[in-house]
Amino acid sequence: MSERSQLKISYVSQDTSFLQCSLSDYARQHDIDESLFKAILRKLDFARVQFEKDMSSYTGGQKKKVLIARSLSEKVHLHIWDEPLNDIEIISR
């Protein structure tokens, strides 16, 4: 009897242009824990004031941090990140 693979993968794209809503809405859309998501963003040097802004106003580096934080918040077996440090300032690296 063969079992189907239940491998769960989280992918972070280079493209961040689709990020257009609030962080809270984004967390709900991706079914991740909002508190954990925002705590990871804080660890990635994300200012709390940014939590209230729409992501369409974020810099490229801030949007990349959102994608990385989402990926780290997901319950998966494998993380695949396509050039995750693009657009992230040197100090945060």
C-alpha atoms as a PDB file:
ATOM      1  CA  MET A   1       0.000   0.000   0.000  1.00  0.00           C
ATOM      2  CA  SER A   2       1.458   3.326  -1.026  1.00  0.00           C
ATOM      3  CA  GLU A   3       0.839   6.520   0.913  1.00  0.00           C
ATOM      4  CA  ARG A   4       0.658   9.889  -0.758  1.00  0.00           C
ATOM      5  CA  SER A   5       3.287  12.376   0.306  1.00  0.00           C
ATOM      6  CA  GLN A   6       2.011  15.019   2.685  1.00  0.00           C
ATOM      7  CA  LEU A   7       5.074  17.220   2.256  1.00  0.00           C
ATOM      8  CA  LYS A   8       4.190  20.867   2.935  1.00  0.00           C
ATOM      9  CA  ILE A   9       6.353  23.526   1.307  1.00  0.00           C
ATOM     10  CA  SER A  10       6.500  27.257   1.965  1.00  0.00           C
ATOM     11  CA  TYR A  11       7.759  29.332  -0.960  1.00  0.00           C
ATOM     12  CA  VAL A  12       8.977  32.946  -0.817  1.00  0.00           C
ATOM     13  CA  SER A  13       9.011  34.571  -4.233  1.00  0.00           C
ATOM     14  CA  GLN A  14      11.222  37.436  -5.385  1.00  0.00           C
ATOM     15  CA  ASP A  15       8.042  39.251  -6.457  1.00  0.00           C
ATOM     16  CA  THR A  16       6.441  41.286  -3.669  1.00  0.00           C
ATOM     17  CA  SER A  17       4.205  43.528  -5.803  1.00  0.00           C
ATOM     18  CA  PHE A  18       1.040  41.612  -4.877  1.00  0.00           C
ATOM     19  CA  LEU A  19       1.205  42.683  -1.208  1.00  0.00           C
ATOM     20  CA  GLN A  20      -1.634  45.198  -0.984  1.00  0.00           C
ATOM     21  CA  CYS A  21      -3.571  44.706   2.279  1.00  0.00           C
ATOM     22  CA  SER A  22      -3.017  45.053   6.030  1.00  0.00           C
ATOM     23  CA  LEU A  23      -0.807  42.649   7.958  1.00  0.00           C
ATOM     24  CA  SER A  24      -3.839  41.393   9.898  1.00  0.00           C
ATOM     25  CA  ASP A  25      -5.752  40.643   6.696  1.00  0.00           C
ATOM     26  CA  TYR A  26      -2.683  38.937   5.219  1.00  0.00           C
ATOM     27  CA  ALA A  27      -2.291  36.709   8.304  1.00  0.00           C
ATOM     28  CA  ARG A  28      -5.969  35.705   8.077  1.00  0.00           C
ATOM     29  CA  GLN A  29      -5.713  35.024   4.330  1.00  0.00           C
ATOM     30  CA  HIS A  30      -2.777  32.665   4.912  1.00  0.00           C
ATOM     31  CA  ASP A  31      -4.212  31.078   8.059  1.00  0.00           C
ATOM     32  CA  ILE A  32      -1.202  31.901  10.222  1.00  0.00           C
ATOM     33  CA  ASP A  33      -1.044  33.039  13.837  1.00  0.00           C
ATOM     34  CA  GLU A  34      -1.063  36.840  13.710  1.00  0.00           C
ATOM     35  CA  SER A  35       0.787  37.243  17.020  1.00  0.00           C
ATOM     36  CA  LEU A  36       3.591  34.912  15.918  1.00  0.00           C
ATOM     37  CA  PHE A  37       3.714  36.585  12.487  1.00  0.00           C
ATOM     38  CA  LYS A  38       4.097  40.059  13.999  1.00  0.00           C
ATOM     39  CA  ALA A  39       6.609  38.836  16.612  1.00  0.00           C
ATOM     40  CA  ILE A  40       8.787  37.471  13.810  1.00  0.00           C
ATOM     41  CA  LEU A  41       8.482  40.786  11.968  1.00  0.00           C
ATOM     42  CA  ARG A  42       9.679  42.575  15.117  1.00  0.00           C
ATOM     43  CA  LYS A  43      12.685  40.203  15.251  1.00  0.00           C
ATOM     44  CA  LEU A  44      13.351  41.205  11.632  1.00  0.00           C
ATOM     45  CA  ASP A  45      13.639  44.851  12.824  1.00  0.00           C
ATOM     46  CA  PHE A  46      10.140  45.822  11.669  1.00  0.00           C
ATOM     47  CA  ALA A  47       8.824  48.972  13.388  1.00  0.00           C
ATOM     48  CA  ARG A  48       5.478  48.583  15.184  1.00  0.00           C
ATOM     49  CA  VAL A  49       4.187  51.704  13.421  1.00  0.00           C
ATOM     50  CA  GLN A  50       4.324  49.706  10.172  1.00  0.00           C
ATOM     51  CA  PHE A  51       1.782  47.213  11.551  1.00  0.00           C
ATOM     52  CA  GLU A  52      -1.040  49.717  10.993  1.00  0.00           C
ATOM     53  CA  LYS A  53      -0.101  50.655   7.415  1.00  0.00           C
ATOM     54  CA  ASP A  54      -1.260  49.051   4.192  1.00  0.00           C
ATOM     55  CA  MET A  55       1.498  46.905   2.693  1.00  0.00           C
ATOM     56  CA  SER A  56       1.244  48.727  -0.640  1.00  0.00           C
ATOM     57  CA  SER A  57       3.149  51.602   1.048  1.00  0.00           C
ATOM     58  CA  TYR A  58       6.001  49.335   2.251  1.00  0.00           C
ATOM     59  CA  THR A  59       9.480  49.379   0.776  1.00  0.00           C
ATOM     60  CA  GLY A  60      10.723  46.355  -1.156  1.00  0.00           C
ATOM     61  CA  GLY A  61      12.743  45.245   1.871  1.00  0.00           C
ATOM     62  CA  GLN A  62       9.754  45.518   4.202  1.00  0.00           C
ATOM     63  CA  LYS A  63       7.631  43.470   1.804  1.00  0.00           C
ATOM     64  CA  LYS A  64      10.331  40.793   1.621  1.00  0.00           C
ATOM     65  CA  LYS A  65      10.362  40.641   5.439  1.00  0.00           C
ATOM     66  CA  VAL A  66       6.586  40.097   5.384  1.00  0.00           C
ATOM     67  CA  LEU A  67       7.018  37.128   3.043  1.00  0.00           C
ATOM     68  CA  ILE A  68       9.819  35.660   5.181  1.00  0.00           C
ATOM     69  CA  ALA A  69       7.808  36.132   8.397  1.00  0.00           C
ATOM     70  CA  ARG A  70       4.796  34.445   6.781  1.00  0.00           C
ATOM     71  CA  SER A  71       6.962  31.533   5.699  1.00  0.00           C
ATOM     72  CA  LEU A  72       8.442  31.143   9.187  1.00  0.00           C
ATOM     73  CA  SER A  73       4.910  31.241  10.666  1.00  0.00           C
ATOM     74  CA  GLU A  74       3.663  28.380   8.510  1.00  0.00           C
ATOM     75  CA  LYS A  75       3.692  24.766   9.688  1.00  0.00           C
ATOM     76  CA  VAL A  76       5.679  23.218   6.855  1.00  0.00           C
ATOM     77  CA  HIS A  77       8.400  20.659   6.219  1.00  0.00           C
ATOM     78  CA  LEU A  78      10.456  22.700   3.773  1.00  0.00           C
ATOM     79  CA  HIS A  79      11.118  26.406   3.193  1.00  0.00           C
ATOM     80  CA  ILE A  80      12.145  27.519  -0.301  1.00  0.00           C
ATOM     81  CA  TRP A  81      13.159  31.166  -0.529  1.00  0.00           C
ATOM     82  CA  ASP A  82      14.070  32.731  -3.878  1.00  0.00           C
ATOM     83  CA  GLU A  83      16.892  35.213  -3.154  1.00  0.00           C
ATOM     84  CA  PRO A  84      15.508  36.189   0.270  1.00  0.00           C
ATOM     85  CA  LEU A  85      18.007  38.980   0.924  1.00  0.00           C
ATOM     86  CA  ASN A  86      17.122  40.997  -2.183  1.00  0.00           C
ATOM     87  CA  ASP A  87      15.932  44.472  -1.153  1.00  0.00           C
ATOM     88  CA  ILE A  88      16.743  43.898   2.543  1.00  0.00           C
ATOM     89  CA  GLU A  89      19.059  46.529   3.968  1.00  0.00           C
ATOM     90  CA  ILE A  90      22.524  45.478   5.080  1.00  0.00           C
ATOM     91  CA  ILE A  91      21.866  46.085   8.789  1.00  0.00           C
ATOM     92  CA  SER A  92      18.943  43.600   8.811  1.00  0.00           C
ATOM     93  CA  ARG A  93      20.891  40.894   7.019  1.00  0.00           C
END
